[in-house]
N, C-alpha and C. Protein backbone atom coordinates (compact mmCIF):
# COMPACT_ATOMS: atom_id res chain seq x y z
N MET A 1 0.82 -1.23 0.01
CA MET A 1 0.00 0.00 -0.01
C MET A 1 0.85 1.25 0.00
N ASN A 2 2.03 1.21 0.66
CA ASN A 2 2.90 2.37 0.68
C ASN A 2 3.36 2.74 -0.72
N VAL A 3 3.61 1.72 -1.55
CA VAL A 3 4.02 1.98 -2.92
C VAL A 3 2.95 2.78 -3.65
N TRP A 4 1.70 2.37 -3.43
CA TRP A 4 0.59 3.04 -4.12
C TRP A 4 0.47 4.49 -3.66
N THR A 5 0.49 4.70 -2.39
CA THR A 5 0.22 6.02 -1.86
C THR A 5 1.36 7.00 -2.10
N PHE A 6 2.59 6.53 -2.01
CA PHE A 6 3.72 7.43 -2.15
C PHE A 6 4.17 7.58 -3.61
N ALA A 7 4.03 6.50 -4.39
CA ALA A 7 4.49 6.57 -5.77
C ALA A 7 3.40 7.07 -6.72
N GLY A 8 2.16 6.99 -6.30
CA GLY A 8 1.07 7.37 -7.19
C GLY A 8 0.94 8.85 -7.41
N GLY A 9 1.37 9.65 -6.47
CA GLY A 9 1.27 11.09 -6.61
C GLY A 9 -0.14 11.58 -6.35
N PRO A 10 -0.40 12.87 -6.61
CA PRO A 10 -1.73 13.45 -6.34
C PRO A 10 -2.84 12.82 -7.17
N ILE A 11 -2.50 12.35 -8.37
CA ILE A 11 -3.54 11.75 -9.19
C ILE A 11 -4.10 10.49 -8.53
N PHE A 12 -3.21 9.76 -7.86
CA PHE A 12 -3.70 8.55 -7.15
C PHE A 12 -4.74 8.92 -6.10
N TRP A 13 -4.49 9.99 -5.35
CA TRP A 13 -5.44 10.38 -4.31
C TRP A 13 -6.75 10.83 -4.90
N LEU A 14 -6.69 11.50 -6.04
CA LEU A 14 -7.92 11.90 -6.72
C LEU A 14 -8.71 10.67 -7.19
N LEU A 15 -8.01 9.70 -7.72
CA LEU A 15 -8.66 8.46 -8.16
C LEU A 15 -9.23 7.70 -6.96
N ALA A 16 -8.51 7.71 -5.84
CA ALA A 16 -9.03 7.04 -4.65
C ALA A 16 -10.31 7.69 -4.17
N ALA A 17 -10.36 9.04 -4.20
CA ALA A 17 -11.58 9.74 -3.81
C ALA A 17 -12.73 9.42 -4.76
N MET A 18 -12.44 9.30 -6.06
CA MET A 18 -13.47 8.94 -7.01
C MET A 18 -13.98 7.53 -6.76
N GLY A 19 -13.06 6.63 -6.39
CA GLY A 19 -13.48 5.27 -6.08
C GLY A 19 -14.40 5.19 -4.88
N VAL A 20 -14.09 5.96 -3.85
CA VAL A 20 -14.95 6.00 -2.65
C VAL A 20 -16.31 6.59 -3.01
N ALA A 21 -16.31 7.68 -3.78
CA ALA A 21 -17.57 8.30 -4.19
C ALA A 21 -18.42 7.34 -5.01
N ALA A 22 -17.79 6.61 -5.93
CA ALA A 22 -18.53 5.66 -6.75
C ALA A 22 -19.17 4.56 -5.90
N THR A 23 -18.43 4.08 -4.93
CA THR A 23 -18.94 3.03 -4.05
C THR A 23 -20.13 3.52 -3.22
N VAL A 24 -20.02 4.73 -2.68
CA VAL A 24 -21.10 5.30 -1.88
C VAL A 24 -22.36 5.52 -2.75
N ILE A 25 -22.17 6.06 -3.94
CA ILE A 25 -23.30 6.30 -4.85
C ILE A 25 -23.99 4.97 -5.19
N PHE A 26 -23.18 3.95 -5.48
CA PHE A 26 -23.75 2.65 -5.83
C PHE A 26 -24.56 2.05 -4.70
N LEU A 27 -24.02 2.05 -3.50
CA LEU A 27 -24.72 1.45 -2.37
C LEU A 27 -26.02 2.21 -2.04
N VAL A 28 -25.96 3.53 -2.08
CA VAL A 28 -27.17 4.33 -1.78
C VAL A 28 -28.24 4.10 -2.83
N ARG A 29 -27.84 4.13 -4.10
CA ARG A 29 -28.84 3.96 -5.18
C ARG A 29 -29.36 2.53 -5.21
N LEU A 30 -28.51 1.55 -4.94
CA LEU A 30 -28.96 0.16 -4.93
C LEU A 30 -30.00 -0.04 -3.83
N LEU A 31 -29.74 0.52 -2.66
CA LEU A 31 -30.70 0.40 -1.58
C LEU A 31 -32.00 1.10 -1.94
N GLY A 32 -31.91 2.26 -2.58
CA GLY A 32 -33.12 2.98 -3.00
C GLY A 32 -33.93 2.20 -4.01
N LEU A 33 -33.26 1.54 -4.96
CA LEU A 33 -33.98 0.76 -5.96
C LEU A 33 -34.66 -0.47 -5.32
N ARG A 34 -34.01 -1.07 -4.37
CA ARG A 34 -34.63 -2.21 -3.68
C ARG A 34 -35.87 -1.78 -2.90
N ARG A 35 -35.77 -0.65 -2.24
CA ARG A 35 -36.94 -0.16 -1.48
C ARG A 35 -38.07 0.27 -2.39
N ALA A 36 -37.74 0.69 -3.61
CA ALA A 36 -38.78 1.18 -4.53
C ALA A 36 -39.56 0.04 -5.18
N HIS A 37 -39.08 -1.17 -5.07
CA HIS A 37 -39.75 -2.29 -5.73
C HIS A 37 -40.86 -2.88 -4.86
N ILE A 38 -42.05 -3.04 -5.44
CA ILE A 38 -43.16 -3.70 -4.76
C ILE A 38 -43.91 -4.56 -5.79
N ASP A 39 -44.81 -5.40 -5.31
CA ASP A 39 -45.66 -6.16 -6.20
C ASP A 39 -46.81 -5.24 -6.62
N TYR A 40 -46.62 -4.57 -7.74
CA TYR A 40 -47.58 -3.53 -8.16
C TYR A 40 -48.94 -4.11 -8.53
N VAL A 41 -48.96 -5.36 -8.97
CA VAL A 41 -50.25 -5.98 -9.34
C VAL A 41 -51.16 -6.08 -8.12
N ASP A 42 -50.64 -6.61 -7.03
CA ASP A 42 -51.44 -6.71 -5.80
C ASP A 42 -51.79 -5.35 -5.25
N PHE A 43 -50.85 -4.40 -5.38
CA PHE A 43 -51.10 -3.07 -4.86
C PHE A 43 -52.24 -2.40 -5.61
N ILE A 44 -52.21 -2.46 -6.94
CA ILE A 44 -53.29 -1.84 -7.72
C ILE A 44 -54.61 -2.57 -7.49
N HIS A 45 -54.56 -3.89 -7.29
CA HIS A 45 -55.77 -4.63 -7.00
C HIS A 45 -56.39 -4.14 -5.69
N GLY A 46 -55.55 -3.91 -4.68
CA GLY A 46 -56.06 -3.38 -3.42
C GLY A 46 -56.64 -1.99 -3.56
N VAL A 47 -55.96 -1.13 -4.35
CA VAL A 47 -56.48 0.21 -4.58
C VAL A 47 -57.81 0.14 -5.33
N GLY A 48 -57.90 -0.75 -6.30
CA GLY A 48 -59.13 -0.89 -7.07
C GLY A 48 -60.29 -1.31 -6.18
N ASN A 49 -60.05 -2.20 -5.23
CA ASN A 49 -61.10 -2.62 -4.31
C ASN A 49 -61.60 -1.46 -3.46
N LEU A 50 -60.65 -0.62 -3.02
CA LEU A 50 -61.06 0.55 -2.21
C LEU A 50 -61.86 1.53 -3.05
N LEU A 51 -61.42 1.76 -4.29
CA LEU A 51 -62.12 2.71 -5.13
C LEU A 51 -63.51 2.22 -5.52
N SER A 52 -63.62 0.94 -5.79
CA SER A 52 -64.94 0.39 -6.14
C SER A 52 -65.90 0.47 -4.96
N GLY A 53 -65.36 0.51 -3.76
CA GLY A 53 -66.20 0.68 -2.57
C GLY A 53 -66.42 2.12 -2.19
N GLY A 54 -66.00 3.03 -3.05
CA GLY A 54 -66.18 4.46 -2.77
C GLY A 54 -65.25 5.02 -1.70
N LYS A 55 -64.13 4.35 -1.49
CA LYS A 55 -63.21 4.78 -0.42
C LYS A 55 -61.94 5.38 -1.04
N ALA A 56 -62.13 6.46 -1.77
CA ALA A 56 -61.00 7.10 -2.45
C ALA A 56 -59.99 7.67 -1.43
N ASP A 57 -60.49 8.20 -0.32
CA ASP A 57 -59.58 8.74 0.68
C ASP A 57 -58.69 7.65 1.27
N GLU A 58 -59.28 6.48 1.51
CA GLU A 58 -58.50 5.37 2.04
C GLU A 58 -57.48 4.87 1.02
N ALA A 59 -57.86 4.93 -0.26
CA ALA A 59 -56.94 4.55 -1.32
C ALA A 59 -55.74 5.49 -1.34
N LEU A 60 -55.99 6.78 -1.18
CA LEU A 60 -54.91 7.76 -1.15
C LEU A 60 -54.03 7.55 0.09
N MET A 61 -54.65 7.21 1.22
CA MET A 61 -53.88 6.94 2.43
C MET A 61 -52.99 5.72 2.22
N LEU A 62 -53.50 4.72 1.53
CA LEU A 62 -52.70 3.52 1.23
C LEU A 62 -51.49 3.89 0.39
N CYS A 63 -51.70 4.75 -0.60
CA CYS A 63 -50.59 5.19 -1.45
C CYS A 63 -49.57 5.97 -0.65
N ASP A 64 -50.04 6.86 0.22
CA ASP A 64 -49.10 7.66 1.03
C ASP A 64 -48.30 6.78 2.00
N ASP A 65 -48.96 5.76 2.54
CA ASP A 65 -48.27 4.88 3.47
C ASP A 65 -47.25 3.98 2.75
N THR A 66 -47.54 3.61 1.53
CA THR A 66 -46.62 2.75 0.78
C THR A 66 -45.38 3.50 0.34
N ALA A 67 -45.54 4.73 -0.12
CA ALA A 67 -44.41 5.65 -0.37
C ALA A 67 -43.34 5.05 -1.28
N VAL A 68 -43.74 4.52 -2.44
CA VAL A 68 -42.83 4.06 -3.47
C VAL A 68 -43.25 4.70 -4.79
N PRO A 69 -42.41 4.68 -5.83
CA PRO A 69 -42.79 5.34 -7.07
C PRO A 69 -44.13 4.92 -7.65
N VAL A 70 -44.41 3.63 -7.63
CA VAL A 70 -45.70 3.15 -8.17
C VAL A 70 -46.85 3.77 -7.38
N ALA A 71 -46.72 3.80 -6.06
CA ALA A 71 -47.78 4.35 -5.23
C ALA A 71 -47.99 5.83 -5.49
N ARG A 72 -46.92 6.58 -5.71
CA ARG A 72 -47.06 8.02 -5.99
C ARG A 72 -47.71 8.26 -7.33
N VAL A 73 -47.44 7.43 -8.33
CA VAL A 73 -48.11 7.57 -9.62
C VAL A 73 -49.58 7.23 -9.51
N VAL A 74 -49.89 6.18 -8.77
CA VAL A 74 -51.29 5.80 -8.55
C VAL A 74 -52.02 6.91 -7.79
N ALA A 75 -51.37 7.50 -6.81
CA ALA A 75 -52.00 8.58 -6.05
C ALA A 75 -52.31 9.77 -6.95
N ALA A 76 -51.39 10.10 -7.85
CA ALA A 76 -51.66 11.20 -8.82
C ALA A 76 -52.85 10.88 -9.69
N ALA A 77 -52.96 9.62 -10.09
CA ALA A 77 -54.10 9.21 -10.91
C ALA A 77 -55.41 9.32 -10.13
N ILE A 78 -55.39 8.92 -8.88
CA ILE A 78 -56.62 8.99 -8.08
C ILE A 78 -57.07 10.42 -7.88
N ARG A 79 -56.12 11.32 -7.64
CA ARG A 79 -56.47 12.73 -7.44
C ARG A 79 -57.08 13.36 -8.70
N HIS A 80 -56.76 12.83 -9.86
CA HIS A 80 -57.28 13.38 -11.12
C HIS A 80 -58.29 12.44 -11.77
N ARG A 81 -58.88 11.55 -10.99
CA ARG A 81 -59.79 10.54 -11.55
C ARG A 81 -61.05 11.15 -12.18
N THR A 82 -61.44 12.35 -11.72
CA THR A 82 -62.66 12.98 -12.26
C THR A 82 -62.35 13.88 -13.46
N ASP A 83 -61.09 14.04 -13.82
CA ASP A 83 -60.74 14.87 -14.96
C ASP A 83 -61.06 14.16 -16.26
N SER A 84 -60.88 14.85 -17.35
CA SER A 84 -61.09 14.23 -18.65
C SER A 84 -60.04 13.12 -18.88
N ALA A 85 -60.31 12.27 -19.84
CA ALA A 85 -59.40 11.14 -20.11
C ALA A 85 -58.01 11.66 -20.50
N ARG A 86 -57.97 12.74 -21.26
CA ARG A 86 -56.68 13.29 -21.67
C ARG A 86 -55.93 13.86 -20.46
N ALA A 87 -56.67 14.61 -19.61
CA ALA A 87 -56.01 15.21 -18.43
C ALA A 87 -55.55 14.11 -17.46
N LEU A 88 -56.33 13.08 -17.34
CA LEU A 88 -55.93 11.97 -16.46
C LEU A 88 -54.66 11.31 -16.97
N ARG A 89 -54.59 11.08 -18.28
CA ARG A 89 -53.41 10.44 -18.85
C ARG A 89 -52.19 11.35 -18.70
N GLU A 90 -52.37 12.64 -18.89
CA GLU A 90 -51.24 13.58 -18.74
C GLU A 90 -50.75 13.65 -17.31
N SER A 91 -51.68 13.59 -16.34
CA SER A 91 -51.26 13.62 -14.95
C SER A 91 -50.46 12.38 -14.59
N ILE A 92 -50.87 11.23 -15.12
CA ILE A 92 -50.12 10.00 -14.88
C ILE A 92 -48.74 10.06 -15.52
N ASP A 93 -48.69 10.57 -16.76
CA ASP A 93 -47.39 10.68 -17.46
C ASP A 93 -46.44 11.63 -16.71
N THR A 94 -46.98 12.75 -16.24
CA THR A 94 -46.16 13.71 -15.52
C THR A 94 -45.61 13.12 -14.22
N ALA A 95 -46.49 12.44 -13.49
CA ALA A 95 -46.04 11.80 -12.25
C ALA A 95 -45.00 10.73 -12.54
N GLY A 96 -45.17 10.00 -13.62
CA GLY A 96 -44.22 8.95 -13.97
C GLY A 96 -42.85 9.54 -14.34
N ARG A 97 -42.85 10.64 -15.07
CA ARG A 97 -41.56 11.29 -15.40
C ARG A 97 -40.85 11.81 -14.16
N VAL A 98 -41.60 12.35 -13.22
CA VAL A 98 -41.01 12.84 -11.98
C VAL A 98 -40.36 11.67 -11.22
N GLU A 99 -41.06 10.55 -11.15
CA GLU A 99 -40.52 9.41 -10.41
C GLU A 99 -39.31 8.81 -11.10
N VAL A 100 -39.32 8.78 -12.42
CA VAL A 100 -38.16 8.24 -13.16
C VAL A 100 -36.94 9.14 -12.91
N GLY A 101 -37.13 10.45 -12.92
CA GLY A 101 -36.03 11.36 -12.63
C GLY A 101 -35.51 11.18 -11.21
N ARG A 102 -36.43 10.94 -10.29
CA ARG A 102 -36.01 10.75 -8.90
C ARG A 102 -35.22 9.45 -8.74
N ILE A 103 -35.65 8.39 -9.43
CA ILE A 103 -34.98 7.11 -9.31
C ILE A 103 -33.57 7.19 -9.90
N ALA A 104 -33.44 7.89 -11.01
CA ALA A 104 -32.16 7.94 -11.73
C ALA A 104 -31.19 8.98 -11.16
N ARG A 105 -31.54 9.57 -10.05
CA ARG A 105 -30.68 10.61 -9.46
C ARG A 105 -29.29 10.06 -9.15
N ARG A 106 -28.28 10.80 -9.53
CA ARG A 106 -26.86 10.51 -9.33
C ARG A 106 -26.35 9.35 -10.21
N PHE A 107 -27.17 8.82 -11.09
CA PHE A 107 -26.65 7.82 -12.02
C PHE A 107 -25.57 8.44 -12.92
N ALA A 108 -25.80 9.70 -13.32
CA ALA A 108 -24.85 10.37 -14.22
C ALA A 108 -23.49 10.51 -13.57
N ALA A 109 -23.47 10.78 -12.25
CA ALA A 109 -22.19 10.92 -11.56
C ALA A 109 -21.39 9.63 -11.59
N LEU A 110 -22.09 8.52 -11.42
CA LEU A 110 -21.41 7.23 -11.45
C LEU A 110 -20.89 6.92 -12.86
N ALA A 111 -21.66 7.27 -13.89
CA ALA A 111 -21.21 7.07 -15.26
C ALA A 111 -19.99 7.93 -15.59
N ILE A 112 -19.98 9.16 -15.08
CA ILE A 112 -18.84 10.05 -15.33
C ILE A 112 -17.58 9.49 -14.67
N ILE A 113 -17.72 8.97 -13.45
CA ILE A 113 -16.55 8.38 -12.79
C ILE A 113 -16.03 7.19 -13.59
N ALA A 114 -16.93 6.34 -14.06
CA ALA A 114 -16.52 5.15 -14.81
C ALA A 114 -15.79 5.53 -16.11
N GLN A 115 -16.20 6.64 -16.72
CA GLN A 115 -15.59 7.03 -17.98
C GLN A 115 -14.31 7.80 -17.82
N THR A 116 -14.23 8.62 -16.77
CA THR A 116 -13.06 9.51 -16.63
C THR A 116 -11.91 8.88 -15.84
N ALA A 117 -12.19 7.90 -14.99
CA ALA A 117 -11.12 7.33 -14.16
C ALA A 117 -9.99 6.72 -15.01
N PRO A 118 -10.30 5.91 -16.03
CA PRO A 118 -9.19 5.40 -16.86
C PRO A 118 -8.43 6.51 -17.59
N LEU A 119 -9.17 7.54 -18.02
CA LEU A 119 -8.49 8.64 -18.71
C LEU A 119 -7.60 9.41 -17.75
N LEU A 120 -8.07 9.57 -16.51
CA LEU A 120 -7.24 10.24 -15.51
C LEU A 120 -6.01 9.40 -15.19
N GLY A 121 -6.18 8.08 -15.13
CA GLY A 121 -5.04 7.21 -14.93
C GLY A 121 -4.04 7.31 -16.07
N LEU A 122 -4.55 7.42 -17.30
CA LEU A 122 -3.68 7.60 -18.44
C LEU A 122 -2.93 8.91 -18.38
N PHE A 123 -3.62 9.94 -17.90
CA PHE A 123 -2.96 11.23 -17.73
C PHE A 123 -1.83 11.14 -16.70
N GLY A 124 -2.10 10.39 -15.62
CA GLY A 124 -1.07 10.17 -14.61
C GLY A 124 0.13 9.41 -15.18
N THR A 125 -0.13 8.52 -16.14
CA THR A 125 0.95 7.78 -16.79
C THR A 125 1.86 8.74 -17.54
N PHE A 126 1.26 9.67 -18.26
CA PHE A 126 2.08 10.67 -18.98
C PHE A 126 2.85 11.57 -18.01
N VAL A 127 2.21 11.94 -16.93
CA VAL A 127 2.88 12.80 -15.93
C VAL A 127 4.10 12.06 -15.35
N GLY A 128 3.91 10.77 -15.01
CA GLY A 128 5.03 10.00 -14.50
C GLY A 128 6.13 9.83 -15.53
N GLY A 129 5.76 9.65 -16.80
CA GLY A 129 6.77 9.57 -17.85
C GLY A 129 7.54 10.86 -18.01
N ILE A 130 6.83 11.98 -17.87
CA ILE A 130 7.52 13.28 -17.96
C ILE A 130 8.51 13.44 -16.81
N HIS A 131 8.10 13.01 -15.63
CA HIS A 131 9.02 13.10 -14.49
C HIS A 131 10.27 12.24 -14.71
N ALA A 132 10.06 11.07 -15.31
CA ALA A 132 11.21 10.20 -15.58
C ALA A 132 12.15 10.83 -16.61
N VAL A 133 11.58 11.43 -17.66
CA VAL A 133 12.40 12.08 -18.68
C VAL A 133 13.15 13.27 -18.08
N ASN A 134 12.46 14.03 -17.23
CA ASN A 134 13.12 15.16 -16.59
C ASN A 134 14.28 14.69 -15.70
N ALA A 135 14.11 13.54 -15.06
CA ALA A 135 15.21 13.02 -14.26
C ALA A 135 16.39 12.64 -15.11
N LEU A 136 16.11 12.12 -16.32
CA LEU A 136 17.21 11.76 -17.21
C LEU A 136 17.94 13.00 -17.74
N ASN A 137 17.16 14.05 -18.01
CA ASN A 137 17.76 15.25 -18.59
C ASN A 137 18.29 16.22 -17.52
N GLY A 138 17.91 16.04 -16.29
CA GLY A 138 18.23 17.03 -15.27
C GLY A 138 19.65 16.92 -14.73
N ALA A 139 20.28 15.78 -14.89
CA ALA A 139 21.63 15.62 -14.33
C ALA A 139 22.44 14.68 -15.19
N ALA A 140 23.75 14.85 -15.13
CA ALA A 140 24.61 13.98 -15.92
C ALA A 140 24.55 12.55 -15.41
N LEU A 141 24.46 12.39 -14.13
CA LEU A 141 24.39 11.06 -13.53
C LEU A 141 23.05 10.94 -12.82
N VAL A 142 22.17 10.10 -13.34
CA VAL A 142 20.80 9.97 -12.80
C VAL A 142 20.79 8.90 -11.75
N ALA A 143 20.24 9.26 -10.59
CA ALA A 143 20.09 8.26 -9.55
C ALA A 143 18.98 7.30 -9.91
N ARG A 144 19.18 6.05 -9.53
CA ARG A 144 18.20 5.02 -9.84
C ARG A 144 16.84 5.36 -9.22
N ALA A 145 16.83 5.90 -8.02
CA ALA A 145 15.59 6.24 -7.32
C ALA A 145 14.82 7.32 -8.07
N ASP A 146 15.51 8.29 -8.65
CA ASP A 146 14.83 9.35 -9.40
C ASP A 146 14.12 8.81 -10.61
N LEU A 147 14.78 7.90 -11.32
CA LEU A 147 14.17 7.31 -12.52
C LEU A 147 13.00 6.41 -12.16
N LEU A 148 13.19 5.58 -11.14
CA LEU A 148 12.12 4.65 -10.74
C LEU A 148 10.91 5.39 -10.18
N SER A 149 11.15 6.55 -9.57
CA SER A 149 10.04 7.32 -9.01
C SER A 149 9.05 7.72 -10.08
N GLY A 150 9.56 8.24 -11.20
CA GLY A 150 8.68 8.62 -12.30
C GLY A 150 8.00 7.43 -12.93
N LEU A 151 8.74 6.32 -13.11
CA LEU A 151 8.13 5.14 -13.70
C LEU A 151 7.06 4.56 -12.80
N MET A 152 7.30 4.54 -11.49
CA MET A 152 6.30 4.00 -10.57
C MET A 152 5.04 4.89 -10.55
N GLU A 153 5.23 6.18 -10.63
CA GLU A 153 4.08 7.09 -10.68
C GLU A 153 3.24 6.81 -11.90
N ALA A 154 3.90 6.55 -13.04
CA ALA A 154 3.17 6.25 -14.26
C ALA A 154 2.40 4.94 -14.15
N LEU A 155 3.05 3.89 -13.63
CA LEU A 155 2.39 2.59 -13.53
C LEU A 155 1.26 2.59 -12.51
N VAL A 156 1.51 3.21 -11.37
CA VAL A 156 0.48 3.24 -10.32
C VAL A 156 -0.73 4.04 -10.78
N SER A 157 -0.53 5.15 -11.46
CA SER A 157 -1.66 5.93 -11.96
C SER A 157 -2.49 5.14 -12.96
N ALA A 158 -1.82 4.46 -13.88
CA ALA A 158 -2.55 3.66 -14.87
C ALA A 158 -3.36 2.57 -14.20
N ALA A 159 -2.73 1.86 -13.25
CA ALA A 159 -3.44 0.77 -12.57
C ALA A 159 -4.58 1.30 -11.73
N ALA A 160 -4.39 2.41 -11.03
CA ALA A 160 -5.45 2.98 -10.20
C ALA A 160 -6.63 3.42 -11.07
N GLY A 161 -6.35 3.98 -12.24
CA GLY A 161 -7.43 4.38 -13.11
C GLY A 161 -8.30 3.21 -13.53
N LEU A 162 -7.66 2.09 -13.84
CA LEU A 162 -8.42 0.88 -14.22
C LEU A 162 -9.15 0.27 -13.03
N LEU A 163 -8.50 0.29 -11.86
CA LEU A 163 -9.11 -0.28 -10.67
C LEU A 163 -10.34 0.51 -10.21
N VAL A 164 -10.39 1.77 -10.55
CA VAL A 164 -11.56 2.58 -10.23
C VAL A 164 -12.59 2.51 -11.37
N GLY A 165 -12.11 2.63 -12.60
CA GLY A 165 -13.03 2.73 -13.74
C GLY A 165 -13.79 1.43 -14.01
N ILE A 166 -13.12 0.30 -13.93
CA ILE A 166 -13.81 -0.97 -14.26
C ILE A 166 -14.91 -1.28 -13.25
N PRO A 167 -14.63 -1.27 -11.94
CA PRO A 167 -15.74 -1.53 -10.99
C PRO A 167 -16.86 -0.49 -11.09
N ALA A 168 -16.51 0.78 -11.36
CA ALA A 168 -17.53 1.81 -11.49
C ALA A 168 -18.44 1.51 -12.67
N GLN A 169 -17.85 1.03 -13.77
CA GLN A 169 -18.67 0.68 -14.93
C GLN A 169 -19.57 -0.51 -14.62
N VAL A 170 -19.06 -1.48 -13.89
CA VAL A 170 -19.88 -2.63 -13.50
C VAL A 170 -21.01 -2.18 -12.60
N MET A 171 -20.72 -1.33 -11.62
CA MET A 171 -21.76 -0.85 -10.71
C MET A 171 -22.82 -0.05 -11.45
N TYR A 172 -22.39 0.78 -12.42
CA TYR A 172 -23.35 1.53 -13.21
C TYR A 172 -24.26 0.61 -14.01
N SER A 173 -23.69 -0.44 -14.59
CA SER A 173 -24.48 -1.38 -15.38
C SER A 173 -25.49 -2.12 -14.52
N VAL A 174 -25.08 -2.49 -13.30
CA VAL A 174 -26.00 -3.16 -12.38
C VAL A 174 -27.18 -2.24 -12.05
N LEU A 175 -26.89 -0.98 -11.77
CA LEU A 175 -27.94 -0.04 -11.45
C LEU A 175 -28.86 0.20 -12.64
N ARG A 176 -28.29 0.27 -13.83
CA ARG A 176 -29.10 0.50 -15.03
C ARG A 176 -30.07 -0.64 -15.26
N VAL A 177 -29.63 -1.88 -15.05
CA VAL A 177 -30.51 -3.03 -15.25
C VAL A 177 -31.69 -2.95 -14.26
N ARG A 178 -31.38 -2.69 -13.01
CA ARG A 178 -32.45 -2.58 -11.99
C ARG A 178 -33.35 -1.40 -12.27
N PHE A 179 -32.74 -0.29 -12.71
CA PHE A 179 -33.52 0.92 -13.02
C PHE A 179 -34.48 0.66 -14.18
N GLU A 180 -34.01 0.05 -15.24
CA GLU A 180 -34.87 -0.22 -16.39
C GLU A 180 -36.00 -1.20 -16.03
N ARG A 181 -35.70 -2.16 -15.18
CA ARG A 181 -36.73 -3.09 -14.74
C ARG A 181 -37.81 -2.36 -13.93
N LEU A 182 -37.38 -1.42 -13.08
CA LEU A 182 -38.35 -0.65 -12.30
C LEU A 182 -39.17 0.28 -13.18
N VAL A 183 -38.54 0.86 -14.18
CA VAL A 183 -39.29 1.73 -15.12
C VAL A 183 -40.36 0.95 -15.86
N ILE A 184 -40.02 -0.28 -16.27
CA ILE A 184 -41.02 -1.11 -16.96
C ILE A 184 -42.21 -1.39 -16.03
N GLU A 185 -41.90 -1.73 -14.78
CA GLU A 185 -42.98 -1.95 -13.82
C GLU A 185 -43.81 -0.69 -13.59
N LEU A 186 -43.14 0.45 -13.57
CA LEU A 186 -43.85 1.71 -13.37
C LEU A 186 -44.79 2.02 -14.55
N GLU A 187 -44.31 1.76 -15.76
CA GLU A 187 -45.16 1.97 -16.94
C GLU A 187 -46.34 0.99 -16.95
N ALA A 188 -46.08 -0.25 -16.57
CA ALA A 188 -47.18 -1.24 -16.51
C ALA A 188 -48.22 -0.83 -15.46
N ALA A 189 -47.75 -0.37 -14.30
CA ALA A 189 -48.66 0.06 -13.25
C ALA A 189 -49.49 1.28 -13.70
N ALA A 190 -48.84 2.21 -14.39
CA ALA A 190 -49.55 3.40 -14.87
C ALA A 190 -50.64 3.00 -15.87
N SER A 191 -50.33 2.05 -16.74
CA SER A 191 -51.32 1.59 -17.71
C SER A 191 -52.50 0.90 -17.01
N GLU A 192 -52.20 0.09 -16.01
CA GLU A 192 -53.26 -0.62 -15.30
C GLU A 192 -54.17 0.31 -14.52
N VAL A 193 -53.60 1.29 -13.86
CA VAL A 193 -54.42 2.21 -13.09
C VAL A 193 -55.25 3.09 -14.01
N LEU A 194 -54.73 3.40 -15.18
CA LEU A 194 -55.48 4.19 -16.15
C LEU A 194 -56.69 3.39 -16.63
N VAL A 195 -56.47 2.12 -16.93
CA VAL A 195 -57.58 1.26 -17.36
C VAL A 195 -58.59 1.10 -16.24
N LEU A 196 -58.10 0.93 -15.02
CA LEU A 196 -58.98 0.78 -13.87
C LEU A 196 -59.88 1.98 -13.66
N LEU A 197 -59.29 3.15 -13.68
CA LEU A 197 -60.07 4.36 -13.44
C LEU A 197 -61.01 4.65 -14.59
N THR A 198 -60.59 4.38 -15.80
CA THR A 198 -61.44 4.58 -16.96
C THR A 198 -62.66 3.65 -16.92
N ALA A 199 -62.42 2.39 -16.53
CA ALA A 199 -63.51 1.43 -16.43
C ALA A 199 -64.49 1.82 -15.31
N GLN A 200 -63.98 2.26 -14.20
CA GLN A 200 -64.85 2.65 -13.08
C GLN A 200 -65.67 3.88 -13.44
N ARG A 201 -65.04 4.80 -14.18
CA ARG A 201 -65.78 5.98 -14.58
C ARG A 201 -66.88 5.62 -15.57
N GLY A 202 -66.62 4.63 -16.39
CA GLY A 202 -67.61 4.18 -17.36
C GLY A 202 -68.81 3.54 -16.69
N THR A 203 -68.56 2.78 -15.63
CA THR A 203 -69.67 2.10 -14.94
C THR A 203 -70.50 3.04 -14.11
N THR A 204 -69.85 4.17 -13.66
CA THR A 204 -70.63 5.15 -12.85
C THR A 204 -71.28 6.21 -13.69
N ALA A 205 -70.94 6.25 -14.98
CA ALA A 205 -71.53 7.30 -15.84
C ALA A 205 -72.99 7.01 -16.14
């Protein structure tokens, strides 16, 4: 570890900070995605039973207590259930876009870390090479330690860039898969609640 910290130079510390940030973002977002997942079919079935019994307020309370993206979209639909079909659809779409943006929060930061870490490591490689060349040109007799210092800085920076970039890319891909799965469920739930409210409005008309 001493070789990494002392030979890597300031770029190593920057890459280490990026690695810590990527790990924190991944764990927080992964936990958020897990909490956001529910069995939306059973949830909408329960909401439908309450609405068919004329208990719209209880249906809204159920949505507020559940507090997940699907529940918030369903709640928006219930609040606009007496609007026109177009207004109802627009309210559901708007709520869905808000929830998708909330779910995807900080995904971009993780993607940026995954893309820039290897490039930053490559930059550190060039900096270490420059230091080695300067050591060769700076004195008639070059000490072995001066030359190795620049070479080690180059190698450590390149390795650190890959060690941060590759796991960050894997973590981003894992989050994207879970995110896309949740978005599909959110779209399916929005379609089902729209059909449910439209059918109930038709029977009461």
